[in-house]
Amino acid sequence: MRRVIVKAVSQIDLAIFYESVDGTFSLIDRLDSFDAWERQVGLILHLAQKQGTDEPEMELEIGGDYY
């Protein structure tokens, strides 16, 4: 698991853009469906509200395909 910061979301691309907390990498998660994107964005909005920020931190399991 890696700690990342949510930097942006794109409904048009069904993508979520992340950056590692230490700034060593960034990645784009392109989701397969609007429903999956909507669920992930819902989680992000919940974390943002809980953390009181527009760029919440979260943990992601990151595989080799992301590098």
N, C-alpha and C. Protein backbone atom coordinates (compact mmCIF):
# COMPACT_ATOMS: atom_id res chain seq x y z
N MET A 1 0.84 -1.18 0.00
CA MET A 1 0.00 0.00 0.00
C MET A 1 0.89 1.24 0.00
N ARG A 2 0.48 2.20 -0.79
CA ARG A 2 1.21 3.48 -0.88
C ARG A 2 0.27 4.62 -0.53
N ARG A 3 0.78 5.60 0.19
CA ARG A 3 0.00 6.81 0.50
C ARG A 3 0.09 7.78 -0.65
N VAL A 4 -1.07 8.20 -1.12
CA VAL A 4 -1.12 9.13 -2.25
C VAL A 4 -2.06 10.28 -1.92
N ILE A 5 -1.92 11.36 -2.68
CA ILE A 5 -2.79 12.52 -2.58
C ILE A 5 -3.60 12.58 -3.87
N VAL A 6 -4.89 12.78 -3.75
CA VAL A 6 -5.73 12.95 -4.93
C VAL A 6 -5.51 14.36 -5.45
N LYS A 7 -5.05 14.46 -6.70
CA LYS A 7 -4.75 15.77 -7.29
C LYS A 7 -5.89 16.28 -8.16
N ALA A 8 -6.59 15.39 -8.88
CA ALA A 8 -7.67 15.81 -9.77
C ALA A 8 -8.50 14.61 -10.18
N VAL A 9 -9.72 14.90 -10.62
CA VAL A 9 -10.59 13.87 -11.20
C VAL A 9 -11.12 14.39 -12.53
N SER A 10 -11.38 13.47 -13.45
CA SER A 10 -11.91 13.84 -14.76
C SER A 10 -13.08 12.92 -15.09
N GLN A 11 -14.27 13.50 -15.16
CA GLN A 11 -15.44 12.71 -15.52
C GLN A 11 -15.39 12.35 -17.01
N ILE A 12 -14.89 13.23 -17.83
CA ILE A 12 -14.81 12.98 -19.27
C ILE A 12 -13.93 11.75 -19.56
N ASP A 13 -12.79 11.66 -18.89
CA ASP A 13 -11.84 10.56 -19.11
C ASP A 13 -12.09 9.38 -18.17
N LEU A 14 -13.03 9.51 -17.23
CA LEU A 14 -13.23 8.51 -16.17
C LEU A 14 -11.90 8.20 -15.49
N ALA A 15 -11.17 9.25 -15.14
CA ALA A 15 -9.83 9.09 -14.58
C ALA A 15 -9.69 9.86 -13.26
N ILE A 16 -8.78 9.36 -12.44
CA ILE A 16 -8.42 10.02 -11.19
C ILE A 16 -6.90 10.13 -11.17
N PHE A 17 -6.43 11.32 -10.85
CA PHE A 17 -5.00 11.61 -10.88
C PHE A 17 -4.47 11.68 -9.45
N TYR A 18 -3.41 10.93 -9.19
CA TYR A 18 -2.81 10.85 -7.86
C TYR A 18 -1.34 11.24 -7.92
N GLU A 19 -0.80 11.63 -6.75
CA GLU A 19 0.63 11.86 -6.58
C GLU A 19 1.01 11.28 -5.23
N SER A 20 2.19 10.68 -5.16
CA SER A 20 2.62 10.13 -3.88
C SER A 20 2.84 11.26 -2.87
N VAL A 21 2.66 10.94 -1.61
CA VAL A 21 2.82 11.94 -0.55
C VAL A 21 4.23 12.52 -0.57
N ASP A 22 5.22 11.67 -0.87
CA ASP A 22 6.61 12.17 -0.90
C ASP A 22 7.00 12.78 -2.25
N GLY A 23 6.08 12.79 -3.21
CA GLY A 23 6.34 13.42 -4.49
C GLY A 23 7.20 12.63 -5.46
N THR A 24 7.47 11.36 -5.15
CA THR A 24 8.37 10.57 -6.00
C THR A 24 7.69 10.00 -7.25
N PHE A 25 6.37 9.92 -7.27
CA PHE A 25 5.69 9.42 -8.45
C PHE A 25 4.28 9.98 -8.53
N SER A 26 3.72 9.94 -9.74
CA SER A 26 2.32 10.28 -9.94
C SER A 26 1.72 9.22 -10.84
N LEU A 27 0.41 9.07 -10.79
CA LEU A 27 -0.23 8.07 -11.60
C LEU A 27 -1.64 8.49 -11.96
N ILE A 28 -2.15 7.88 -13.00
CA ILE A 28 -3.52 8.11 -13.45
C ILE A 28 -4.25 6.79 -13.38
N ASP A 29 -5.36 6.77 -12.69
CA ASP A 29 -6.21 5.58 -12.61
C ASP A 29 -7.39 5.80 -13.54
N ARG A 30 -7.41 5.09 -14.66
CA ARG A 30 -8.52 5.19 -15.62
C ARG A 30 -9.48 4.04 -15.35
N LEU A 31 -10.69 4.39 -14.92
CA LEU A 31 -11.66 3.37 -14.54
C LEU A 31 -12.43 2.88 -15.76
N ASP A 32 -12.94 1.66 -15.66
CA ASP A 32 -13.60 1.00 -16.78
C ASP A 32 -15.02 1.45 -17.03
N SER A 33 -15.68 1.96 -16.00
CA SER A 33 -17.09 2.34 -16.15
C SER A 33 -17.39 3.59 -15.33
N PHE A 34 -18.47 4.25 -15.70
CA PHE A 34 -18.89 5.43 -14.95
C PHE A 34 -19.25 5.05 -13.52
N ASP A 35 -19.88 3.89 -13.32
CA ASP A 35 -20.26 3.45 -11.97
C ASP A 35 -19.02 3.29 -11.07
N ALA A 36 -17.98 2.69 -11.60
CA ALA A 36 -16.74 2.53 -10.82
C ALA A 36 -16.12 3.89 -10.51
N TRP A 37 -16.11 4.78 -11.50
CA TRP A 37 -15.57 6.12 -11.30
C TRP A 37 -16.38 6.86 -10.23
N GLU A 38 -17.70 6.75 -10.32
CA GLU A 38 -18.59 7.43 -9.38
C GLU A 38 -18.39 6.93 -7.95
N ARG A 39 -18.20 5.63 -7.77
CA ARG A 39 -17.94 5.07 -6.43
C ARG A 39 -16.62 5.60 -5.87
N GLN A 40 -15.57 5.62 -6.71
CA GLN A 40 -14.27 6.11 -6.25
C GLN A 40 -14.32 7.60 -5.91
N VAL A 41 -15.00 8.38 -6.72
CA VAL A 41 -15.13 9.81 -6.45
C VAL A 41 -15.94 10.03 -5.17
N GLY A 42 -16.96 9.21 -4.93
CA GLY A 42 -17.72 9.30 -3.68
C GLY A 42 -16.82 9.08 -2.48
N LEU A 43 -15.94 8.08 -2.56
CA LEU A 43 -14.99 7.83 -1.48
C LEU A 43 -14.04 9.01 -1.30
N ILE A 44 -13.56 9.56 -2.41
CA ILE A 44 -12.65 10.70 -2.36
C ILE A 44 -13.34 11.91 -1.71
N LEU A 45 -14.58 12.18 -2.09
CA LEU A 45 -15.31 13.31 -1.50
C LEU A 45 -15.53 13.11 -0.01
N HIS A 46 -15.81 11.88 0.39
CA HIS A 46 -15.97 11.58 1.83
C HIS A 46 -14.66 11.84 2.57
N LEU A 47 -13.55 11.36 2.01
CA LEU A 47 -12.25 11.60 2.65
C LEU A 47 -11.90 13.08 2.69
N ALA A 48 -12.21 13.80 1.62
CA ALA A 48 -11.93 15.23 1.58
C ALA A 48 -12.69 15.97 2.67
N GLN A 49 -13.94 15.61 2.85
CA GLN A 49 -14.75 16.24 3.89
C GLN A 49 -14.21 15.89 5.27
N LYS A 50 -13.87 14.64 5.47
CA LYS A 50 -13.35 14.17 6.77
C LYS A 50 -12.00 14.82 7.09
N GLN A 51 -11.14 14.96 6.07
CA GLN A 51 -9.80 15.53 6.27
C GLN A 51 -9.79 17.05 6.17
N GLY A 52 -10.88 17.65 5.69
CA GLY A 52 -10.96 19.10 5.58
C GLY A 52 -10.03 19.68 4.53
N THR A 53 -9.92 19.00 3.37
CA THR A 53 -9.02 19.45 2.32
C THR A 53 -9.61 19.14 0.95
N ASP A 54 -9.11 19.82 -0.08
CA ASP A 54 -9.51 19.52 -1.46
C ASP A 54 -8.66 18.42 -2.07
N GLU A 55 -7.54 18.09 -1.44
CA GLU A 55 -6.63 17.06 -1.95
C GLU A 55 -6.40 16.02 -0.85
N PRO A 56 -7.37 15.12 -0.64
CA PRO A 56 -7.25 14.17 0.46
C PRO A 56 -6.16 13.13 0.22
N GLU A 57 -5.63 12.61 1.32
CA GLU A 57 -4.67 11.51 1.26
C GLU A 57 -5.42 10.21 1.42
N MET A 58 -4.93 9.18 0.73
CA MET A 58 -5.51 7.86 0.87
C MET A 58 -4.45 6.82 0.57
N GLU A 59 -4.73 5.57 0.91
CA GLU A 59 -3.81 4.49 0.61
C GLU A 59 -4.33 3.71 -0.58
N LEU A 60 -3.43 3.40 -1.51
CA LEU A 60 -3.77 2.60 -2.69
C LEU A 60 -2.82 1.43 -2.79
N GLU A 61 -3.35 0.31 -3.26
CA GLU A 61 -2.49 -0.81 -3.61
C GLU A 61 -2.09 -0.59 -5.06
N ILE A 62 -0.81 -0.44 -5.30
CA ILE A 62 -0.32 -0.07 -6.61
C ILE A 62 0.50 -1.22 -7.18
N GLY A 63 0.09 -1.70 -8.35
CA GLY A 63 0.81 -2.77 -9.03
C GLY A 63 1.82 -2.22 -10.01
N GLY A 64 2.58 -3.10 -10.63
CA GLY A 64 3.62 -2.71 -11.57
C GLY A 64 3.12 -1.96 -12.79
N ASP A 65 1.86 -2.16 -13.16
CA ASP A 65 1.31 -1.50 -14.34
C ASP A 65 1.24 0.01 -14.21
N TYR A 66 1.31 0.54 -13.01
CA TYR A 66 1.16 1.97 -12.79
C TYR A 66 2.45 2.75 -12.98
N TYR A 67 3.59 2.07 -12.99
CA TYR A 67 4.85 2.79 -13.00
C TYR A 67 5.28 3.19 -14.36
